[in-house]
Amino acid sequence: MTPSEKSFGRSVELNARLQGVVPGGAHTYAKGLDQYPENMAPVITHGRGAHVWDADGNEYIEYGSGLRAVSLGHAHPAVLEAVRGQLGLGTNFVRPSVIELYAAERFLATVQTAEMVKFAKNGSDVTTAAVKLARAATGRPMVAICRDQPFFSIDDWFISTTAMSAGIPGSTADLTVHFPYGDLPATERVLQEHEGQVSCLILEAATQHDPPDGYLAGLRDLAHRHGCLLIFDEMITGFRWSEAGAQAVYGVAPDLSTFGKALGNGFAISALAGKREFMERGGLRDDRERVFLLSTTHGAESHSLAAAMAVLDTYEKEGIVARLHALGDRLAGGVREVAEAAGVGDHVVTRGRASNLVFATLDQDLQPSQDYRTLFLRELILGGVVGPSFVVSAALTDVDIARTVEAVAQACVVYRKALDADDPRGWTGGRPVKPVFRRFV
């Protein structure tokens, strides 16, 4: 189906029905209707590899699959085989199943900087558990989060700091403070201002850029000097920077770390990992006051654990991390080339590690623009490419990358027209896409 032949009528109808029964029309804000151009938010029926199909029969090359969770591609054979094999044995029992032991041992053999692990379902489950554990271990109430990073948890200790803090007491927000990424003196000033009150520093070890030399080791030393724990949120960096996360790439072991997303290739599983001296506080072998750490009915569903083990094996056998980086490098190079050729090389920009690329859409003054993002997303969708980013999956082929670059090239031609007109609104098809975190609709 050519761009001019694309129809979205069925998706428009389904989105309207979703809005009537699901608040926001999706179960993750980042998948919301407001994140895509008006009347061009595909409702997906199925996916295979790096491709998805919507309710109107349109086929797309997909990026950021499963909000970065599906790194091997949809319906990956090894993962499906492992899951099917486990489903026939039952999925949840009144006592631990043997696969819980095998999965934990397999995970710790990969993330060798951790000594114990506990599984859950969502990233927020384990980041909040890490914060609770840090508070218990230190006896301190406050949490310091990296202010330059967008998301850590759906729970009150984080959401209270965003524009969508309705329903959360202000006293909760008072217990969370911020520190800047890459600036040790500024972080120390935060700790000094709240001396003896901060339980932990929590951050992603890296996002769009590698950390400054010595920064992560310095941050760990700073945290320990002030009696805090250091927590790495490895939801994204885990299985994209390396199988063992950013902590392995940069050689700095945190006290606690959290994993998820790509760990299950779309199946629901997350992990809290860390040093035994802290993790045991949530167990039965420690004589200090007990911590109600993680206790989830579905945290040890056997099929999700089987999926995780298959993912870990596939990463090791097939060199998935290297493939993700190679694909991302090829895509970034192609996007740069066609953007420059269209005269928008300063306005359509790829950023981040090759395995975790995002795109920036900048206006005439080189400032981020939701209107230009809308234009760009719209043209990509018409060109058969869908996704909020350029985050690759290992299922992409050379043909997929080439087709994506062709779609970007066509989008850049339109982008240039909008810049020349000094107004992108003639090419957005309606209202602009919006930031997730905003106080009112």
Protein backbone atom coordinates (compact mmCIF):
# COMPACT_ATOMS: atom_id res chain seq x y z
CA MET A 1 0.00 0.00 0.00
CA THR A 2 1.50 3.35 -1.06
CA PRO A 3 1.48 6.41 1.23
CA SER A 4 -1.37 8.02 -0.70
CA GLU A 5 -3.44 4.84 -0.32
CA LYS A 6 -3.10 4.55 3.45
CA SER A 7 -6.37 4.55 5.36
CA PHE A 8 -6.78 4.96 9.12
CA GLY A 9 -10.56 4.77 9.46
CA ARG A 10 -10.66 1.57 11.48
CA SER A 11 -7.94 2.79 13.84
CA VAL A 12 -9.81 6.08 14.35
CA GLU A 13 -12.93 4.10 15.26
CA LEU A 14 -11.06 1.80 17.63
CA ASN A 15 -9.27 4.72 19.30
CA ALA A 16 -12.64 6.34 19.99
CA ARG A 17 -13.89 3.12 21.56
CA LEU A 18 -10.71 2.76 23.60
CA GLN A 19 -11.15 6.29 24.95
CA GLY A 20 -14.60 5.27 26.16
CA VAL A 21 -13.46 2.28 28.21
CA VAL A 22 -9.76 2.88 29.05
CA PRO A 23 -8.68 6.19 30.64
CA GLY A 24 -6.44 7.84 28.08
CA GLY A 25 -7.21 5.11 25.56
CA ALA A 26 -4.02 3.18 26.39
CA HIS A 27 -2.39 1.47 29.35
CA THR A 28 0.79 3.51 29.09
CA TYR A 29 0.77 7.30 28.68
CA ALA A 30 3.58 7.05 26.14
CA LYS A 31 1.25 5.04 23.88
CA GLY A 32 -1.52 7.64 24.12
CA LEU A 33 -3.49 9.15 21.26
CA ASP A 34 -1.93 12.53 22.04
CA GLN A 35 1.54 11.17 21.21
CA TYR A 36 0.69 10.69 17.52
CA PRO A 37 -0.63 12.96 14.77
CA GLU A 38 -4.36 13.55 14.68
CA ASN A 39 -6.29 10.65 13.09
CA MET A 40 -3.01 8.83 12.45
CA ALA A 41 -2.54 6.76 15.60
CA PRO A 42 -2.49 3.15 14.37
CA VAL A 43 -4.14 0.49 16.55
CA ILE A 44 -1.98 -2.60 16.16
CA THR A 45 -3.38 -6.05 15.43
CA HIS A 46 -0.15 -8.06 15.28
CA GLY A 47 3.59 -7.97 14.81
CA ARG A 48 6.35 -10.21 13.53
CA GLY A 49 10.02 -9.40 13.72
CA ALA A 50 10.46 -5.66 13.23
CA HIS A 51 7.12 -5.20 11.45
CA VAL A 52 3.63 -4.50 12.77
CA TRP A 53 0.21 -4.30 11.11
CA ASP A 54 -2.69 -2.07 12.14
CA ALA A 55 -6.45 -2.57 12.09
CA ASP A 56 -6.65 -1.00 8.62
CA GLY A 57 -4.16 -3.48 7.19
CA ASN A 58 -1.28 -1.00 6.98
CA GLU A 59 2.18 -2.49 7.49
CA TYR A 60 4.95 -0.58 9.28
CA ILE A 61 8.58 -0.96 10.18
CA GLU A 62 8.47 -0.40 13.94
CA TYR A 63 10.96 1.38 16.19
CA GLY A 64 10.98 1.58 19.96
CA SER A 65 9.06 -1.70 19.95
CA GLY A 66 7.12 -2.24 23.15
CA LEU A 67 8.56 1.01 24.53
CA ARG A 68 12.05 -0.48 24.07
CA ALA A 69 11.03 -3.84 25.59
CA VAL A 70 10.99 -5.94 22.42
CA SER A 71 14.67 -5.90 21.50
CA LEU A 72 14.72 -9.25 19.66
CA GLY A 73 11.65 -8.56 17.55
CA HIS A 74 8.05 -9.68 17.88
CA ALA A 75 7.22 -13.38 18.21
CA HIS A 76 10.88 -14.38 18.45
CA PRO A 77 11.04 -18.16 17.88
CA ALA A 78 13.37 -19.04 20.77
CA VAL A 79 11.35 -16.99 23.24
CA LEU A 80 8.05 -18.43 22.05
CA GLU A 81 9.41 -21.96 22.23
CA ALA A 82 10.55 -21.44 25.83
CA VAL A 83 7.22 -19.91 26.80
CA ARG A 84 5.15 -22.64 25.16
CA GLY A 85 7.23 -25.30 26.85
CA GLN A 86 6.60 -23.75 30.24
CA LEU A 87 2.89 -23.02 29.78
CA GLY A 88 2.14 -26.73 29.63
CA LEU A 89 3.67 -27.14 33.10
CA GLY A 90 1.56 -24.48 34.81
CA THR A 91 2.23 -20.79 35.36
CA ASN A 92 1.82 -20.04 39.08
CA PHE A 93 1.94 -22.16 42.21
CA VAL A 94 1.47 -21.95 45.97
CA ARG A 95 5.24 -22.37 46.49
CA PRO A 96 8.30 -21.31 44.47
CA SER A 97 8.83 -23.27 41.28
CA VAL A 98 12.17 -24.67 40.26
CA ILE A 99 12.37 -22.22 37.35
CA GLU A 100 12.57 -19.35 39.87
CA LEU A 101 15.89 -20.74 41.04
CA TYR A 102 17.15 -21.37 37.51
CA ALA A 103 16.12 -17.90 36.32
CA ALA A 104 17.75 -16.19 39.30
CA GLU A 105 20.99 -18.11 38.83
CA ARG A 106 20.95 -17.37 35.10
CA PHE A 107 20.37 -13.67 35.68
CA LEU A 108 23.17 -13.40 38.27
CA ALA A 109 25.54 -15.26 35.96
CA THR A 110 24.95 -12.44 33.47
CA VAL A 111 24.78 -9.44 35.83
CA GLN A 112 27.82 -10.45 37.84
CA THR A 113 27.99 -7.15 39.75
CA ALA A 114 24.88 -8.25 41.69
CA GLU A 115 24.69 -10.93 44.38
CA MET A 116 20.94 -11.42 44.73
CA VAL A 117 17.90 -10.76 42.57
CA LYS A 118 14.14 -10.59 43.02
CA PHE A 119 11.74 -10.59 40.08
CA ALA A 120 8.57 -8.55 39.61
CA LYS A 121 6.43 -7.41 36.69
CA ASN A 122 6.98 -3.70 36.03
CA GLY A 123 9.86 -1.30 36.19
CA SER A 124 8.06 0.78 38.79
CA ASP A 125 7.72 -2.26 41.05
CA VAL A 126 11.45 -2.64 41.36
CA THR A 127 12.55 1.00 41.38
CA THR A 128 10.16 1.65 44.25
CA ALA A 129 11.39 -1.47 46.01
CA ALA A 130 14.95 -0.22 45.63
CA VAL A 131 14.01 3.13 47.15
CA LYS A 132 12.22 1.42 50.04
CA LEU A 133 15.21 -0.81 50.67
CA ALA A 134 17.56 2.18 50.66
CA ARG A 135 15.35 4.00 53.15
CA ALA A 136 15.27 0.95 55.40
CA ALA A 137 19.02 0.38 55.17
CA THR A 138 19.89 3.98 55.97
CA GLY A 139 17.00 4.94 58.22
CA ARG A 140 16.57 8.09 56.13
CA PRO A 141 13.39 9.41 54.48
CA MET A 142 14.57 11.35 51.43
CA VAL A 143 15.35 10.27 47.87
CA ALA A 144 17.60 12.14 45.42
CA ILE A 145 16.74 11.63 41.75
CA CYS A 146 18.60 12.79 38.66
CA ARG A 147 16.70 15.84 37.44
CA ASP A 148 17.93 15.47 33.84
CA GLN A 149 16.25 12.11 33.27
CA PRO A 150 12.57 11.73 32.38
CA PHE A 151 11.10 8.81 34.30
CA PHE A 152 11.70 6.45 37.20
CA SER A 153 8.38 5.19 38.53
CA ILE A 154 4.60 5.57 38.51
CA ASP A 155 4.75 5.72 42.31
CA ASP A 156 4.30 8.81 44.45
CA TRP A 157 7.96 9.43 45.30
CA PHE A 158 8.60 10.21 41.62
CA ILE A 159 5.28 11.30 40.09
CA SER A 160 4.91 13.90 42.86
CA THR A 161 7.80 15.77 41.22
CA THR A 162 6.15 15.97 37.78
CA ALA A 163 3.45 18.18 36.30
CA MET A 164 0.95 15.34 36.84
CA SER A 165 1.10 15.28 40.64
CA ALA A 166 -2.65 15.45 41.27
CA GLY A 167 -3.74 13.10 44.04
CA ILE A 168 -0.37 13.07 45.82
CA PRO A 169 0.10 14.98 49.11
CA GLY A 170 2.64 17.78 48.95
CA SER A 171 4.43 16.26 51.93
CA THR A 172 5.37 13.31 49.72
CA ALA A 173 6.96 15.57 47.12
CA ASP A 174 9.00 17.22 49.89
CA LEU A 175 10.84 13.93 50.41
CA THR A 176 12.27 13.87 46.87
CA VAL A 177 15.12 16.17 45.85
CA HIS A 178 17.02 16.53 42.58
CA PHE A 179 20.64 16.47 41.49
CA PRO A 180 22.14 17.26 38.05
CA TYR A 181 23.76 14.60 35.90
CA GLY A 182 27.52 14.83 35.53
CA ASP A 183 28.06 17.48 38.24
CA LEU A 184 29.58 16.04 41.41
CA PRO A 185 30.04 19.37 43.26
CA ALA A 186 26.39 20.29 42.70
CA THR A 187 25.31 16.85 43.90
CA GLU A 188 27.42 17.19 47.01
CA ARG A 189 25.75 20.52 47.74
CA VAL A 190 22.37 18.79 47.60
CA LEU A 191 23.57 16.15 50.05
CA GLN A 192 25.06 18.77 52.33
CA GLU A 193 21.84 20.80 52.28
CA HIS A 194 19.96 17.69 53.42
CA GLU A 195 22.77 16.17 55.46
CA GLY A 196 21.82 12.88 57.06
CA GLN A 197 18.39 12.80 55.36
CA VAL A 198 19.01 11.39 51.87
CA SER A 199 18.78 7.60 51.60
CA CYS A 200 19.90 7.13 48.01
CA LEU A 201 20.90 8.63 44.71
CA ILE A 202 18.97 7.06 41.82
CA LEU A 203 19.75 7.62 38.15
CA GLU A 204 20.29 6.05 34.76
CA ALA A 205 24.03 5.54 34.40
CA ALA A 206 23.85 7.06 30.89
CA THR A 207 21.24 8.30 28.45
CA GLN A 208 22.13 10.18 25.26
CA HIS A 209 25.82 10.58 26.14
CA ASP A 210 28.42 8.54 27.97
CA PRO A 211 29.13 9.81 31.48
CA PRO A 212 32.12 12.12 31.98
CA ASP A 213 35.31 10.27 32.86
CA GLY A 214 35.26 9.24 36.50
CA TYR A 215 31.74 10.53 37.10
CA LEU A 216 29.99 7.30 38.07
CA ALA A 217 32.81 6.15 40.34
CA GLY A 218 32.90 9.61 41.87
CA LEU A 219 29.14 9.54 42.39
CA ARG A 220 29.36 6.16 44.14
CA ASP A 221 32.11 7.46 46.42
CA LEU A 222 30.15 10.63 47.10
CA ALA A 223 27.02 8.66 47.99
CA HIS A 224 28.90 6.39 50.36
CA ARG A 225 30.74 9.28 51.95
CA HIS A 226 27.40 10.82 52.83
CA GLY A 227 25.86 7.52 53.96
CA CYS A 228 23.65 6.97 50.90
CA LEU A 229 23.12 4.06 48.56
CA LEU A 230 23.72 4.35 44.83
CA ILE A 231 20.96 2.93 42.62
CA PHE A 232 21.20 2.49 38.84
CA ASP A 233 17.95 2.36 36.89
CA GLU A 234 18.92 -0.04 34.08
CA MET A 235 15.46 -0.36 32.53
CA ILE A 236 16.79 0.97 29.24
CA THR A 237 20.55 0.51 29.51
CA GLY A 238 20.18 -3.12 30.58
CA PHE A 239 20.40 -5.33 27.46
CA ARG A 240 21.10 -2.34 25.20
CA TRP A 241 24.46 -1.07 26.54
CA SER A 242 25.41 -4.67 27.35
CA GLU A 243 23.74 -7.82 28.64
CA ALA A 244 24.86 -6.81 32.13
CA GLY A 245 23.85 -3.20 31.72
CA ALA A 246 25.68 0.09 31.80
CA GLN A 247 27.34 -0.85 35.07
CA ALA A 248 29.37 -3.47 33.19
CA VAL A 249 30.26 -1.07 30.36
CA TYR A 250 31.48 1.66 32.72
CA GLY A 251 32.91 -0.62 35.40
CA VAL A 252 30.99 0.82 38.35
CA ALA A 253 28.87 -1.48 40.50
CA PRO A 254 25.98 0.25 42.30
CA ASP A 255 24.54 -0.92 45.59
CA LEU A 256 21.24 -1.74 43.90
CA SER A 257 20.08 -1.81 40.29
CA THR A 258 16.82 -2.38 38.48
CA PHE A 259 16.20 -4.12 35.16
CA GLY A 260 13.17 -4.76 32.96
CA LYS A 261 11.93 -3.98 29.45
CA ALA A 262 14.18 -6.05 27.14
CA LEU A 263 14.68 -8.72 29.81
CA GLY A 264 11.49 -10.49 28.70
CA ASN A 265 11.29 -9.37 25.04
CA GLY A 266 7.76 -8.15 25.70
CA PHE A 267 6.77 -10.60 28.42
CA ALA A 268 6.20 -8.92 31.76
CA ILE A 269 9.24 -9.24 33.98
CA SER A 270 11.49 -6.87 35.91
CA ALA A 271 14.29 -7.39 38.40
CA LEU A 272 15.73 -5.78 41.50
CA ALA A 273 19.36 -6.81 41.90
CA GLY A 274 22.08 -5.79 44.27
CA LYS A 275 24.47 -6.44 47.09
CA ARG A 276 23.59 -9.22 49.48
CA GLU A 277 23.94 -7.01 52.57
CA PHE A 278 21.00 -4.91 51.38
CA MET A 279 18.91 -7.49 49.55
CA GLU A 280 18.87 -9.82 52.59
CA ARG A 281 16.90 -7.14 54.47
CA GLY A 282 13.92 -8.30 52.45
CA GLY A 283 14.48 -11.97 53.25
CA LEU A 284 14.41 -14.47 56.11
CA ARG A 285 18.09 -14.70 57.06
CA ASP A 286 18.63 -11.23 58.54
CA ASP A 287 18.12 -10.45 62.22
CA ARG A 288 17.43 -6.73 61.70
CA GLU A 289 13.94 -5.26 61.34
CA ARG A 290 12.27 -6.91 58.36
CA VAL A 291 11.57 -5.04 55.13
CA PHE A 292 8.43 -5.89 53.16
CA LEU A 293 10.34 -5.72 49.91
CA LEU A 294 8.58 -7.26 46.91
CA SER A 295 5.62 -9.61 47.29
CA THR A 296 3.82 -9.97 43.98
CA THR A 297 1.30 -12.63 43.02
CA HIS A 298 2.53 -12.69 39.44
CA GLY A 299 6.20 -11.78 39.92
CA ALA A 300 7.32 -15.36 39.41
CA GLU A 301 4.98 -16.45 36.65
CA SER A 302 6.89 -19.31 35.14
CA HIS A 303 6.37 -18.41 31.48
CA SER A 304 7.85 -14.92 31.95
CA LEU A 305 10.87 -16.42 33.69
CA ALA A 306 11.24 -18.86 30.81
CA ALA A 307 11.09 -15.93 28.38
CA ALA A 308 13.82 -14.11 30.31
CA MET A 309 16.10 -17.13 30.26
CA ALA A 310 15.57 -17.51 26.52
CA VAL A 311 16.38 -13.83 26.03
CA LEU A 312 19.60 -14.13 28.03
CA ASP A 313 20.63 -17.21 26.05
CA THR A 314 19.82 -15.53 22.71
CA TYR A 315 21.82 -12.44 23.60
CA GLU A 316 24.83 -14.58 24.44
CA LYS A 317 24.61 -16.95 21.46
CA GLU A 318 23.78 -14.39 18.77
CA GLY A 319 25.74 -11.32 19.88
CA ILE A 320 22.58 -9.23 20.08
CA VAL A 321 24.15 -6.17 21.71
CA ALA A 322 26.71 -5.84 18.92
CA ARG A 323 23.94 -6.24 16.34
CA LEU A 324 21.83 -3.51 17.96
CA HIS A 325 24.78 -1.13 17.84
CA ALA A 326 25.59 -1.97 14.22
CA LEU A 327 21.98 -1.45 13.13
CA GLY A 328 21.76 1.82 15.00
CA ASP A 329 25.00 3.09 13.48
CA ARG A 330 23.73 2.26 9.98
CA LEU A 331 20.41 4.00 10.61
CA ALA A 332 21.95 7.10 12.18
CA GLY A 333 24.37 7.46 9.29
CA GLY A 334 21.59 7.17 6.73
CA VAL A 335 19.37 9.69 8.52
CA ARG A 336 22.20 12.20 8.76
CA GLU A 337 22.97 11.82 5.05
CA VAL A 338 19.40 12.37 3.81
CA ALA A 339 18.70 15.16 6.31
CA GLU A 340 21.75 17.07 5.12
CA ALA A 341 20.84 16.45 1.50
CA ALA A 342 17.41 18.00 2.11
CA GLY A 343 18.91 20.99 3.91
CA VAL A 344 17.58 20.03 7.35
CA GLY A 345 20.67 18.46 8.85
CA ASP A 346 20.57 20.89 11.78
CA HIS A 347 16.86 20.34 12.36
CA VAL A 348 16.33 16.56 12.10
CA VAL A 349 18.91 15.10 14.43
CA THR A 350 19.62 11.62 15.82
CA ARG A 351 20.94 11.44 19.35
CA GLY A 352 22.01 8.81 21.80
CA ARG A 353 23.83 5.52 21.81
CA ALA A 354 23.48 3.55 18.58
CA SER A 355 21.45 0.87 20.36
CA ASN A 356 19.08 3.49 21.79
CA LEU A 357 18.63 6.25 19.22
CA VAL A 358 16.11 9.04 19.55
CA PHE A 359 15.36 11.80 17.07
CA ALA A 360 15.07 15.51 17.75
CA THR A 361 12.87 17.79 15.63
CA LEU A 362 14.04 21.40 15.83
CA ASP A 363 12.42 24.59 14.57
CA GLN A 364 13.92 27.59 12.75
CA ASP A 365 15.70 28.64 15.95
CA LEU A 366 16.97 25.10 16.55
CA GLN A 367 14.64 24.65 19.51
CA PRO A 368 12.64 21.46 20.14
CA SER A 369 9.25 21.71 18.47
CA GLN A 370 6.12 19.63 18.97
CA ASP A 371 4.72 20.95 15.69
CA TYR A 372 7.75 19.77 13.73
CA ARG A 373 7.71 16.47 15.63
CA THR A 374 4.10 16.04 14.50
CA LEU A 375 5.06 16.74 10.89
CA PHE A 376 7.94 14.28 11.05
CA LEU A 377 5.92 11.49 12.72
CA ARG A 378 3.12 12.00 10.19
CA GLU A 379 5.45 11.70 7.20
CA LEU A 380 7.14 8.62 8.65
CA ILE A 381 3.79 6.91 9.20
CA LEU A 382 2.75 7.70 5.63
CA GLY A 383 6.08 6.22 4.56
CA GLY A 384 5.46 3.00 6.46
CA VAL A 385 7.54 3.68 9.59
CA VAL A 386 6.04 3.96 13.08
CA GLY A 387 7.55 4.67 16.47
CA PRO A 388 8.33 7.47 18.90
CA SER A 389 12.08 7.03 18.41
CA PHE A 390 14.68 5.27 16.28
CA VAL A 391 15.38 2.61 18.91
CA VAL A 392 16.24 -0.51 16.92
CA SER A 393 15.38 -4.16 17.44
CA ALA A 394 17.64 -7.00 16.37
CA ALA A 395 14.94 -8.18 13.92
CA LEU A 396 15.54 -5.25 11.56
CA THR A 397 17.13 -6.13 8.24
CA ASP A 398 19.30 -4.12 5.88
CA VAL A 399 16.23 -3.71 3.69
CA ASP A 400 14.27 -2.32 6.66
CA ILE A 401 17.00 0.21 7.39
CA ALA A 402 17.13 1.26 3.73
CA ARG A 403 13.35 1.66 3.59
CA THR A 404 13.40 3.68 6.80
CA VAL A 405 16.04 6.01 5.42
CA GLU A 406 13.92 6.45 2.29
CA ALA A 407 10.93 7.40 4.45
CA VAL A 408 13.09 9.85 6.41
CA ALA A 409 14.33 11.37 3.15
CA GLN A 410 10.75 12.05 2.02
CA ALA A 411 9.91 13.46 5.45
CA CYS A 412 12.90 15.77 5.27
CA VAL A 413 11.73 17.19 1.94
CA VAL A 414 8.44 18.16 3.58
CA TYR A 415 10.30 19.42 6.64
CA ARG A 416 12.32 21.77 4.41
CA LYS A 417 9.11 23.14 2.89
CA ALA A 418 7.73 23.86 6.36
CA LEU A 419 10.93 25.63 7.39
CA ASP A 420 10.83 27.73 4.23
CA ALA A 421 7.22 28.64 4.96
CA ASP A 422 8.20 29.46 8.55
CA ASP A 423 5.15 27.50 9.70
CA PRO A 424 4.81 23.68 9.94
CA ARG A 425 1.08 23.70 10.67
CA GLY A 426 0.13 23.20 7.04
CA TRP A 427 1.80 19.77 7.21
CA THR A 428 0.73 18.51 10.66
CA GLY A 429 -2.79 17.38 9.75
CA GLY A 430 -4.27 18.87 12.93
CA ARG A 431 -3.28 19.46 16.53
CA PRO A 432 0.34 18.85 17.50
CA VAL A 433 1.51 15.92 19.59
CA LYS A 434 1.94 16.79 23.24
CA PRO A 435 4.39 16.11 26.08
CA VAL A 436 3.30 13.25 28.33
CA PHE A 437 3.80 15.23 31.54
CA ARG A 438 1.47 18.23 31.53
CA ARG A 439 -0.99 19.46 34.13
CA PHE A 440 -4.06 19.82 31.90
CA VAL A 441 -5.26 18.16 28.69
